[in-house]
Amino acid sequence: MIALSLAEIAAVVGGQTHDIPDPSVEVTGPVVRDSREVLPGSLFAAFVGERVDGHDYAPQVIETGAVAVLASRPVGVPAIVVDDVQTALGALARHVVRRLGATLVALTGSAGKTSTKDLIAQVLQRKAPTVFTPGSLNNEIGLPLTALSATEETKFLVLEMGARGIGHIRYLTDLTPPKIGLVLNVGTAHIGEFGGREQIARAKGELVEGLPEDGAAILNADDPLVRAMAARTKAKVVLFGESAEADVRAENVRLMDSGQPAFRLHTPSGASDVTMRLYGEHHVSNALAAAAVAHELGMSAEEIATALSEAGSLSRWRMEVTERPDGVTIVNDAYNANPESMRAALRALAAMGKGRRTWAVLGKMAELGDEALAEHDAVGRLAVRLNVSKLVAVGGIEASWLQLGAYNEGSWGEESVHVSDAQAAIDLLRSELRPGDVVLVKASRSVGLESVAQALVETGAEGEVAAR
């Protein structure tokens, strides 16, 4: 964070100093909420959770090197006491962002936010120092913490914004007002909470409503609900996609035998070829979104194409590919799942598995509301249409819907199996995998299927040791 004294911070957040001998002492390290992340000069934000109260760690974090604690009650060590820690954290982020000379880029969408944010960051880092959201910390706590990690050297601040209801993104844009706003898509993720895609579009569009006139709204030309958001902003509108009307578009899109996409990138200032290191055709849209942002910030088509071709995955469990010594390929995409990302992952599996036996180990897609049965059924059916060799549906009733969809699609029922939990899936796969097989593991985060992928990777490592 930019250096601020405890007295300055107390004034910004409307707090009272307690047990602080010298209010002129500055916070020079990061603002953190996890006691394990404290560094010398840190400010520790003490949140009260369902299981853990951050205030209990106050003496420990001061001993570790924190300058003070941002707290909702006195804690017996240097502290700035406020009525609400979350509100105070947001106010501090707003203050710091206004003092920075950085250009703020914010993005949202139903699917692909984190992967696209990682691409944008890797491209912009070629141009100037860039700070970006770690992982998918995109809510009212994670976003301020990211903003507060910027320093005087930061030129670009890339912030992922999530929403679970109307008004959430408006709140986040008030804390960190972006110059460039990107909306990727409007899908069915969290549709059970929102009540429909139109409501999701209303929430996502709050991002472009807050843009300044000299800003830019980067919109997906291939998604009608996103494209319609052009009417909701006073900023310049830049379209990306495969549509001929897109300002930044892709031509000659294809999947390599490896499952990695390649295409010809066209921008208003030129064209260049891209061959991505990431897996799955859905990353083409993500790459175009990143390219549109980078072009708006002055990068050439050649610079953007080179950066996209060299960019990798910065976040765990998102199409994370591991090649085992025995030739089995594990694709760990278990961080989260919705119908759009499930379909994209299955298509990537089909492309990667040409001439090989493929396994789709799938679990529940959460928060789909009344659409849950139809969407799980549709994913099971798609697995059959893509000629996936084996479907392993893991979990409860949603998994049974996946298997039912596969069974009803054709005479493929014997190639699908429903198992109760992750351990059952691990046992099945360990006994039946053969060299050369490709295994996709994907479900909503709450299912915890990353344990399946990790166990299969470890099994391969054990096999290598045994062979030696």
Protein backbone atom coordinates (compact mmCIF):
# COMPACT_ATOMS: atom_id res chain seq x y z
CA MET A 1 0.00 0.00 0.00
CA ILE A 2 1.07 3.61 -0.42
CA ALA A 3 2.50 4.79 2.90
CA LEU A 4 -0.11 6.33 5.23
CA SER A 5 0.19 7.20 8.90
CA LEU A 6 -2.15 5.66 11.43
CA ALA A 7 -3.56 9.12 12.09
CA GLU A 8 -4.33 9.56 8.38
CA ILE A 9 -5.98 6.14 8.18
CA ALA A 10 -8.10 6.84 11.26
CA ALA A 11 -9.30 10.09 9.69
CA VAL A 12 -10.12 8.40 6.37
CA VAL A 13 -12.13 5.56 7.94
CA GLY A 14 -13.71 7.61 10.72
CA GLY A 15 -12.09 5.50 13.43
CA GLN A 16 -10.66 6.07 16.89
CA THR A 17 -7.07 5.21 17.77
CA HIS A 18 -6.52 2.91 20.75
CA ASP A 19 -3.23 1.94 22.40
CA ILE A 20 -1.24 3.75 19.71
CA PRO A 21 1.73 5.60 21.26
CA ASP A 22 2.69 7.40 18.05
CA PRO A 23 -0.10 8.04 15.48
CA SER A 24 2.50 9.27 12.98
CA VAL A 25 3.79 5.73 12.50
CA GLU A 26 3.12 4.66 8.91
CA VAL A 27 1.62 1.55 7.39
CA THR A 28 4.13 0.59 4.71
CA GLY A 29 3.25 -3.07 4.20
CA PRO A 30 0.13 -4.78 2.84
CA VAL A 31 -3.34 -4.63 4.33
CA VAL A 32 -4.33 -8.23 5.13
CA ARG A 33 -7.16 -10.14 6.78
CA ASP A 34 -5.26 -13.42 7.24
CA SER A 35 -2.81 -13.44 10.15
CA ARG A 36 -0.53 -15.75 8.15
CA GLU A 37 -0.02 -13.03 5.54
CA VAL A 38 1.19 -10.33 7.95
CA LEU A 39 4.50 -8.69 7.02
CA PRO A 40 6.45 -5.93 8.78
CA GLY A 41 4.52 -2.68 8.35
CA SER A 42 1.16 -4.36 7.69
CA LEU A 43 -2.30 -3.29 8.75
CA PHE A 44 -4.37 -6.26 9.90
CA ALA A 45 -8.13 -6.11 9.25
CA ALA A 46 -9.91 -8.12 11.96
CA PHE A 47 -13.11 -9.69 10.62
CA VAL A 48 -15.54 -11.73 12.67
CA GLY A 49 -16.37 -14.92 10.75
CA GLU A 50 -18.63 -17.87 11.43
CA ARG A 51 -15.80 -19.88 12.95
CA VAL A 52 -12.92 -17.46 13.55
CA ASP A 53 -12.76 -13.98 15.08
CA GLY A 54 -9.82 -12.02 13.70
CA HIS A 55 -9.68 -9.93 16.87
CA ASP A 56 -8.34 -12.99 18.70
CA TYR A 57 -5.19 -12.81 16.58
CA ALA A 58 -4.43 -9.15 17.39
CA PRO A 59 -1.50 -9.75 19.79
CA GLN A 60 0.00 -12.31 17.41
CA VAL A 61 -0.08 -10.04 14.33
CA ILE A 62 1.50 -7.13 16.22
CA GLU A 63 4.24 -9.44 17.39
CA THR A 64 4.74 -10.60 13.79
CA GLY A 65 5.21 -7.03 12.60
CA ALA A 66 1.84 -5.45 11.91
CA VAL A 67 1.73 -1.74 12.76
CA ALA A 68 -1.87 -1.84 13.95
CA VAL A 69 -5.19 -3.66 13.77
CA LEU A 70 -8.30 -2.33 12.03
CA ALA A 71 -10.89 -3.56 14.50
CA SER A 72 -14.48 -3.18 15.67
CA ARG A 73 -13.45 -3.14 19.35
CA PRO A 74 -10.31 -2.38 21.38
CA VAL A 75 -7.93 -5.35 21.41
CA GLY A 76 -5.22 -4.31 23.87
CA VAL A 77 -2.66 -3.58 21.15
CA PRO A 78 -2.38 -0.69 18.66
CA ALA A 79 -5.70 -0.47 16.85
CA ILE A 80 -7.96 1.79 14.83
CA VAL A 81 -11.47 1.02 16.08
CA VAL A 82 -14.40 1.51 13.69
CA ASP A 83 -18.09 0.65 13.67
CA ASP A 84 -17.73 -1.76 10.77
CA VAL A 85 -14.43 -3.17 9.48
CA GLN A 86 -15.75 -3.94 5.99
CA THR A 87 -17.05 -0.41 5.50
CA ALA A 88 -13.80 1.05 6.80
CA LEU A 89 -11.77 -1.17 4.49
CA GLY A 90 -13.81 0.08 1.54
CA ALA A 91 -13.36 3.70 2.56
CA LEU A 92 -9.60 3.21 2.81
CA ALA A 93 -9.49 1.58 -0.63
CA ARG A 94 -11.50 4.46 -2.13
CA HIS A 95 -9.06 6.98 -0.62
CA VAL A 96 -5.96 5.15 -1.85
CA VAL A 97 -7.32 4.65 -5.36
CA ARG A 98 -8.09 8.36 -5.69
CA ARG A 99 -4.51 9.18 -4.73
CA LEU A 100 -3.05 6.78 -7.25
CA GLY A 101 -2.32 7.77 -10.82
CA ALA A 102 -3.16 4.26 -12.01
CA THR A 103 -5.70 3.40 -14.69
CA LEU A 104 -8.39 1.16 -13.23
CA VAL A 105 -9.72 -1.72 -15.34
CA ALA A 106 -12.72 -3.60 -13.96
CA LEU A 107 -14.34 -6.69 -15.41
CA THR A 108 -17.35 -8.86 -14.72
CA GLY A 109 -19.32 -11.65 -16.36
CA SER A 110 -21.02 -14.94 -15.64
CA ALA A 111 -18.08 -17.07 -16.74
CA GLY A 112 -14.41 -16.59 -17.46
CA LYS A 113 -13.75 -13.60 -15.18
CA THR A 114 -10.69 -14.96 -13.45
CA SER A 115 -9.07 -16.41 -16.57
CA THR A 116 -9.66 -13.16 -18.46
CA LYS A 117 -8.36 -11.06 -15.58
CA ASP A 118 -5.20 -13.17 -15.57
CA LEU A 119 -4.79 -12.64 -19.33
CA ILE A 120 -5.31 -8.87 -19.06
CA ALA A 121 -2.74 -8.67 -16.28
CA GLN A 122 -0.14 -10.64 -18.21
CA VAL A 123 -0.62 -8.50 -21.31
CA LEU A 124 -0.56 -5.15 -19.49
CA GLN A 125 2.50 -6.13 -17.46
CA ARG A 126 4.40 -5.93 -20.75
CA LYS A 127 3.59 -2.22 -20.84
CA ALA A 128 3.81 -1.04 -17.22
CA PRO A 129 3.64 -2.19 -13.56
CA THR A 130 0.28 -3.86 -13.00
CA VAL A 131 -1.58 -4.97 -9.87
CA PHE A 132 -4.49 -7.39 -10.24
CA THR A 133 -6.96 -9.44 -8.25
CA PRO A 134 -5.33 -12.61 -6.90
CA GLY A 135 -7.39 -15.70 -7.71
CA SER A 136 -11.05 -14.77 -7.66
CA LEU A 137 -11.13 -12.44 -4.63
CA ASN A 138 -13.76 -10.30 -6.31
CA ASN A 139 -16.18 -9.36 -3.54
CA GLU A 140 -16.62 -6.47 -1.12
CA ILE A 141 -13.63 -7.66 0.94
CA GLY A 142 -11.29 -9.09 -1.69
CA LEU A 143 -11.59 -6.13 -4.04
CA PRO A 144 -10.54 -3.44 -1.49
CA LEU A 145 -7.64 -5.63 -0.35
CA THR A 146 -6.44 -5.86 -3.95
CA ALA A 147 -6.78 -2.11 -4.51
CA LEU A 148 -4.84 -1.44 -1.33
CA SER A 149 -1.93 -3.53 -2.60
CA ALA A 150 -1.19 -0.93 -5.30
CA THR A 151 1.79 1.39 -4.84
CA GLU A 152 3.02 4.65 -6.36
CA GLU A 153 4.67 2.64 -9.15
CA THR A 154 1.41 0.94 -10.18
CA LYS A 155 0.17 2.10 -13.58
CA PHE A 156 -2.65 -0.40 -14.14
CA LEU A 157 -5.01 -1.83 -11.53
CA VAL A 158 -7.06 -4.76 -12.86
CA LEU A 159 -10.02 -5.66 -10.66
CA GLU A 160 -12.40 -8.59 -11.03
CA MET A 161 -15.92 -7.82 -9.81
CA GLY A 162 -18.42 -10.49 -8.80
CA ALA A 163 -22.11 -10.10 -7.98
CA ARG A 164 -24.77 -12.15 -6.26
CA GLY A 165 -27.49 -9.56 -6.53
CA ILE A 166 -28.56 -6.17 -7.85
CA GLY A 167 -26.44 -3.34 -6.49
CA HIS A 168 -23.33 -5.38 -5.68
CA ILE A 169 -21.28 -4.19 -8.65
CA ARG A 170 -22.50 -0.63 -8.19
CA TYR A 171 -21.11 -0.77 -4.65
CA LEU A 172 -17.75 -2.08 -5.89
CA THR A 173 -17.46 0.56 -8.63
CA ASP A 174 -18.13 3.23 -6.04
CA LEU A 175 -15.18 1.97 -4.00
CA THR A 176 -12.86 1.69 -7.01
CA PRO A 177 -14.21 3.73 -9.96
CA PRO A 178 -12.89 2.16 -13.20
CA LYS A 179 -11.79 4.00 -16.33
CA ILE A 180 -12.30 0.88 -18.43
CA GLY A 181 -15.16 -1.54 -17.78
CA LEU A 182 -15.37 -4.99 -19.41
CA VAL A 183 -18.44 -7.25 -19.47
CA LEU A 184 -17.71 -10.74 -20.74
CA ASN A 185 -21.06 -12.48 -20.90
CA VAL A 186 -24.42 -13.07 -19.27
CA GLY A 187 -24.93 -16.75 -18.54
CA THR A 188 -26.73 -18.91 -16.02
CA ALA A 189 -24.21 -18.88 -13.16
CA HIS A 190 -26.11 -17.96 -9.94
CA ILE A 191 -29.38 -17.83 -11.90
CA GLY A 192 -31.11 -19.36 -8.89
CA GLU A 193 -30.17 -16.33 -6.82
CA PHE A 194 -30.88 -13.70 -9.48
CA GLY A 195 -34.12 -15.16 -10.83
CA GLY A 196 -33.31 -14.96 -14.55
CA ARG A 197 -30.76 -13.92 -17.16
CA GLU A 198 -32.36 -10.49 -17.55
CA GLN A 199 -31.73 -9.84 -13.85
CA ILE A 200 -28.16 -11.04 -14.24
CA ALA A 201 -27.72 -8.62 -17.16
CA ARG A 202 -29.15 -5.81 -15.08
CA ALA A 203 -26.60 -6.51 -12.32
CA LYS A 204 -23.59 -6.94 -14.62
CA GLY A 205 -24.46 -3.78 -16.52
CA GLU A 206 -23.98 -1.68 -13.40
CA LEU A 207 -20.29 -1.78 -14.27
CA VAL A 208 -20.65 0.28 -17.45
CA GLU A 209 -23.17 2.69 -15.92
CA GLY A 210 -20.47 4.09 -13.65
CA LEU A 211 -17.86 4.72 -16.34
CA PRO A 212 -16.77 8.31 -17.10
CA GLU A 213 -17.30 9.92 -20.50
CA ASP A 214 -13.61 9.61 -21.30
CA GLY A 215 -13.64 5.93 -20.33
CA ALA A 216 -14.34 2.82 -22.38
CA ALA A 217 -16.95 0.07 -22.11
CA ILE A 218 -15.57 -3.17 -23.56
CA LEU A 219 -18.57 -5.33 -24.53
CA ASN A 220 -19.03 -8.80 -26.01
CA ALA A 221 -20.48 -8.38 -29.50
CA ASP A 222 -21.49 -12.06 -29.56
CA ASP A 223 -23.74 -11.84 -26.49
CA PRO A 224 -26.96 -9.88 -27.16
CA LEU A 225 -27.56 -9.10 -23.49
CA VAL A 226 -24.05 -7.69 -23.14
CA ARG A 227 -24.12 -5.82 -26.41
CA ALA A 228 -27.35 -4.10 -25.33
CA MET A 229 -25.44 -2.56 -22.40
CA ALA A 230 -24.03 0.01 -24.86
CA ALA A 231 -27.20 2.00 -24.21
CA ARG A 232 -26.43 2.13 -20.48
CA THR A 233 -23.11 3.98 -20.64
CA LYS A 234 -21.84 7.42 -21.58
CA ALA A 235 -18.37 6.01 -22.22
CA LYS A 236 -16.89 4.99 -25.56
CA VAL A 237 -18.07 1.50 -26.57
CA VAL A 238 -15.59 -1.07 -27.91
CA LEU A 239 -16.95 -4.41 -29.14
CA PHE A 240 -15.00 -7.68 -29.11
CA GLY A 241 -15.91 -11.11 -30.43
CA GLU A 242 -16.09 -13.21 -33.57
CA SER A 243 -18.81 -11.00 -35.07
CA ALA A 244 -17.77 -9.09 -38.19
CA GLU A 245 -18.98 -5.93 -36.44
CA ALA A 246 -16.57 -6.33 -33.52
CA ASP A 247 -13.78 -3.76 -33.24
CA VAL A 248 -11.47 -6.48 -31.88
CA ARG A 249 -12.26 -9.83 -33.43
CA ALA A 250 -10.95 -13.31 -34.18
CA GLU A 251 -10.78 -15.02 -37.56
CA ASN A 252 -9.74 -18.54 -38.52
CA VAL A 253 -10.42 -19.84 -35.00
CA ARG A 254 -9.31 -23.43 -34.55
CA LEU A 255 -8.35 -25.90 -31.85
CA MET A 256 -4.97 -27.57 -32.12
CA ASP A 257 -4.78 -31.32 -31.47
CA SER A 258 -3.53 -30.42 -28.00
CA GLY A 259 -6.82 -28.62 -27.26
CA GLN A 260 -5.14 -25.20 -27.37
CA PRO A 261 -6.81 -22.50 -29.50
CA ALA A 262 -5.24 -20.49 -32.30
CA PHE A 263 -6.67 -17.59 -34.29
CA ARG A 264 -5.94 -14.42 -36.25
CA LEU A 265 -6.36 -11.35 -34.01
CA HIS A 266 -7.76 -8.23 -35.70
CA THR A 267 -7.68 -4.82 -34.01
CA PRO A 268 -8.35 -1.32 -35.38
CA SER A 269 -4.60 -0.83 -35.72
CA GLY A 270 -3.57 -4.14 -37.28
CA ALA A 271 -3.68 -7.94 -37.13
CA SER A 272 -1.46 -10.71 -35.80
CA ASP A 273 -1.60 -14.46 -35.13
CA VAL A 274 -2.18 -15.96 -31.69
CA THR A 275 -1.53 -19.52 -30.51
CA MET A 276 -2.49 -19.87 -26.88
CA ARG A 277 -0.94 -21.97 -24.14
CA LEU A 278 -4.32 -22.27 -22.40
CA TYR A 279 -6.72 -25.11 -23.16
CA GLY A 280 -10.21 -24.79 -24.63
CA GLU A 281 -11.85 -22.74 -27.38
CA HIS A 282 -13.68 -20.63 -24.78
CA HIS A 283 -10.38 -18.87 -24.12
CA VAL A 284 -10.62 -17.20 -27.53
CA SER A 285 -13.37 -14.91 -26.24
CA ASN A 286 -11.37 -14.27 -23.07
CA ALA A 287 -8.30 -13.42 -25.15
CA LEU A 288 -10.27 -11.04 -27.36
CA ALA A 289 -11.58 -9.25 -24.28
CA ALA A 290 -8.04 -8.87 -22.97
CA ALA A 291 -6.89 -7.68 -26.39
CA ALA A 292 -9.62 -5.04 -26.52
CA VAL A 293 -8.54 -3.67 -23.14
CA ALA A 294 -4.86 -3.67 -24.12
CA HIS A 295 -5.55 -1.99 -27.46
CA GLU A 296 -7.55 0.71 -25.72
CA LEU A 297 -4.51 1.31 -23.51
CA GLY A 298 -2.20 1.78 -26.46
CA MET A 299 -0.70 -1.61 -27.22
CA SER A 300 -0.22 -2.79 -30.82
CA ALA A 301 -1.72 -5.94 -32.31
CA GLU A 302 1.74 -7.53 -32.46
CA GLU A 303 2.49 -6.75 -28.82
CA ILE A 304 -0.88 -8.10 -27.72
CA ALA A 305 -0.61 -11.27 -29.81
CA THR A 306 2.84 -12.04 -28.46
CA ALA A 307 1.68 -11.54 -24.87
CA LEU A 308 -1.44 -13.69 -25.36
CA SER A 309 0.59 -16.45 -26.99
CA GLU A 310 2.95 -16.56 -24.01
CA ALA A 311 0.35 -16.12 -21.24
CA GLY A 312 -0.36 -19.01 -18.91
CA SER A 313 -2.83 -19.79 -16.15
CA LEU A 314 -2.16 -17.82 -12.96
CA SER A 315 -5.00 -19.30 -10.90
CA ARG A 316 -5.25 -22.88 -9.64
CA TRP A 317 -7.66 -25.57 -10.77
CA ARG A 318 -8.74 -23.83 -13.98
CA MET A 319 -8.03 -26.18 -16.91
CA GLU A 320 -4.82 -27.10 -15.10
CA VAL A 321 -3.22 -29.82 -17.22
CA THR A 322 -0.83 -32.42 -15.81
CA GLU A 323 0.81 -35.12 -17.93
CA ARG A 324 1.57 -38.20 -15.82
CA PRO A 325 4.66 -40.30 -16.52
CA ASP A 326 2.41 -43.16 -17.63
CA GLY A 327 0.79 -41.01 -20.34
CA VAL A 328 -2.44 -40.22 -18.49
CA THR A 329 -3.46 -36.56 -18.82
CA ILE A 330 -5.31 -34.94 -15.89
CA VAL A 331 -7.30 -31.75 -16.56
CA ASN A 332 -8.16 -30.14 -13.22
CA ASP A 333 -10.93 -27.60 -13.81
CA ALA A 334 -12.52 -28.16 -10.42
CA TYR A 335 -12.46 -24.61 -9.06
CA ASN A 336 -16.03 -23.91 -10.14
CA ALA A 337 -18.68 -24.84 -12.68
CA ASN A 338 -21.73 -23.45 -14.44
CA PRO A 339 -23.46 -24.66 -17.61
CA GLU A 340 -21.37 -22.45 -19.91
CA SER A 341 -18.01 -23.43 -18.44
CA MET A 342 -19.06 -27.09 -18.26
CA ARG A 343 -19.82 -27.13 -21.98
CA ALA A 344 -16.54 -25.38 -22.80
CA ALA A 345 -14.54 -27.83 -20.70
CA LEU A 346 -16.21 -30.86 -22.32
CA ARG A 347 -15.43 -29.50 -25.79
CA ALA A 348 -11.81 -28.99 -24.75
CA LEU A 349 -11.72 -32.57 -23.44
CA ALA A 350 -13.05 -33.85 -26.77
CA ALA A 351 -10.38 -31.90 -28.67
CA MET A 352 -7.55 -33.05 -26.39
CA GLY A 353 -8.70 -36.66 -26.49
CA LYS A 354 -8.81 -37.30 -30.24
CA GLY A 355 -7.67 -40.87 -30.70
CA ARG A 356 -7.52 -41.40 -26.92
CA ARG A 357 -9.94 -42.58 -24.27
CA THR A 358 -11.59 -39.67 -22.44
CA TRP A 359 -13.15 -39.45 -18.98
CA ALA A 360 -15.45 -36.69 -17.73
CA VAL A 361 -15.57 -36.72 -13.93
CA LEU A 362 -18.35 -34.24 -13.21
CA GLY A 363 -20.29 -33.05 -10.19
CA LYS A 364 -22.97 -30.61 -9.17
CA MET A 365 -23.34 -27.14 -10.66
CA ALA A 366 -24.62 -25.02 -7.78
CA GLU A 367 -27.10 -22.13 -7.60
CA LEU A 368 -29.11 -22.96 -10.72
CA GLY A 369 -32.50 -22.86 -9.01
CA ASP A 370 -35.37 -24.18 -11.13
CA GLU A 371 -32.98 -24.71 -14.06
CA ALA A 372 -30.87 -27.28 -12.21
CA LEU A 373 -32.49 -30.46 -13.56
CA ALA A 374 -32.55 -29.27 -17.19
CA GLU A 375 -28.98 -27.95 -17.10
CA HIS A 376 -27.47 -31.09 -15.54
CA ASP A 377 -29.40 -33.26 -17.97
CA ALA A 378 -28.11 -31.15 -20.88
CA VAL A 379 -24.49 -31.51 -19.76
CA GLY A 380 -24.85 -35.29 -19.55
CA ARG A 381 -26.33 -35.34 -23.06
CA LEU A 382 -23.51 -33.16 -24.41
CA ALA A 383 -20.92 -35.60 -23.08
CA VAL A 384 -22.50 -38.29 -25.26
CA ARG A 385 -22.69 -36.06 -28.34
CA LEU A 386 -19.00 -35.22 -27.98
CA ASN A 387 -18.17 -38.94 -27.80
CA VAL A 388 -16.63 -38.70 -24.35
CA SER A 389 -15.67 -42.30 -23.54
CA LYS A 390 -16.66 -42.42 -19.88
CA LEU A 391 -18.81 -40.20 -17.67
CA VAL A 392 -18.34 -40.44 -13.91
CA ALA A 393 -21.06 -38.43 -12.16
CA VAL A 394 -20.07 -37.70 -8.56
CA GLY A 395 -22.40 -36.80 -5.71
CA GLY A 396 -26.11 -36.63 -4.99
CA ILE A 397 -29.22 -35.93 -7.01
CA GLU A 398 -27.54 -33.48 -9.40
CA ALA A 399 -25.04 -36.17 -10.34
CA SER A 400 -27.89 -38.59 -11.02
CA TRP A 401 -29.33 -36.00 -13.41
CA LEU A 402 -25.99 -35.85 -15.24
CA GLN A 403 -25.99 -39.61 -15.64
CA LEU A 404 -29.65 -39.68 -16.66
CA GLY A 405 -29.00 -37.12 -19.39
CA ALA A 406 -26.19 -39.27 -20.76
CA TYR A 407 -28.29 -42.43 -20.59
CA ASN A 408 -31.27 -40.83 -22.32
CA GLU A 409 -29.16 -39.40 -25.12
CA GLY A 410 -28.57 -42.84 -26.60
CA SER A 411 -27.31 -46.35 -26.08
CA TRP A 412 -24.45 -45.06 -23.97
CA GLY A 413 -25.78 -45.88 -20.53
CA GLU A 414 -23.20 -48.55 -19.82
CA GLU A 415 -20.44 -45.95 -20.35
CA SER A 416 -21.70 -43.71 -17.54
CA VAL A 417 -21.58 -44.36 -13.82
CA HIS A 418 -22.90 -42.55 -10.75
CA VAL A 419 -20.69 -42.69 -7.64
CA SER A 420 -21.44 -41.31 -4.20
CA ASP A 421 -18.43 -39.16 -3.48
CA ALA A 422 -14.90 -38.10 -4.45
CA GLN A 423 -13.24 -41.12 -2.82
CA ALA A 424 -15.45 -43.50 -4.78
CA ALA A 425 -14.46 -41.69 -7.97
CA ILE A 426 -10.76 -41.94 -7.02
CA ASP A 427 -11.05 -45.68 -6.37
CA LEU A 428 -12.82 -46.26 -9.68
CA LEU A 429 -10.34 -44.25 -11.72
CA ARG A 430 -7.28 -45.77 -10.07
CA SER A 431 -8.52 -49.22 -11.03
CA GLU A 432 -9.60 -48.43 -14.60
CA LEU A 433 -7.33 -45.72 -16.04
CA ARG A 434 -5.00 -46.79 -18.83
CA PRO A 435 -1.92 -45.09 -20.29
CA GLY A 436 -2.97 -42.39 -22.75
CA ASP A 437 -6.34 -41.64 -21.11
CA VAL A 438 -7.45 -38.00 -20.68
CA VAL A 439 -9.43 -37.15 -17.52
CA LEU A 440 -11.42 -33.93 -17.00
CA VAL A 441 -12.46 -33.14 -13.41
CA LYS A 442 -15.04 -30.39 -12.97
CA ALA A 443 -17.80 -29.31 -10.55
CA SER A 444 -18.82 -26.38 -8.41
CA ARG A 445 -16.29 -25.48 -5.72
CA SER A 446 -18.50 -26.78 -2.91
CA VAL A 447 -18.21 -30.36 -4.25
CA GLY A 448 -14.44 -30.43 -3.68
CA LEU A 449 -13.58 -32.50 -6.73
CA GLU A 450 -10.08 -31.03 -6.84
CA SER A 451 -9.23 -33.87 -4.45
CA VAL A 452 -9.91 -36.32 -7.27
CA ALA A 453 -7.53 -34.56 -9.64
CA GLN A 454 -4.86 -34.24 -6.97
CA ALA A 455 -5.14 -37.91 -6.03
CA LEU A 456 -4.77 -38.96 -9.66
CA VAL A 457 -1.71 -36.74 -10.11
CA GLU A 458 -0.16 -38.20 -6.94
CA THR A 459 -0.93 -41.73 -8.14
CA GLY A 460 1.09 -40.99 -11.29
CA ALA A 461 3.98 -39.66 -9.22
CA GLU A 462 3.90 -42.78 -7.02
CA GLY A 463 3.95 -44.93 -10.13
CA GLU A 464 7.03 -43.08 -11.38
CA VAL A 465 8.83 -43.68 -8.10
CA ALA A 466 7.87 -47.37 -8.15
CA ALA A 467 9.16 -47.73 -11.71
CA ARG A 468 12.53 -46.38 -10.63
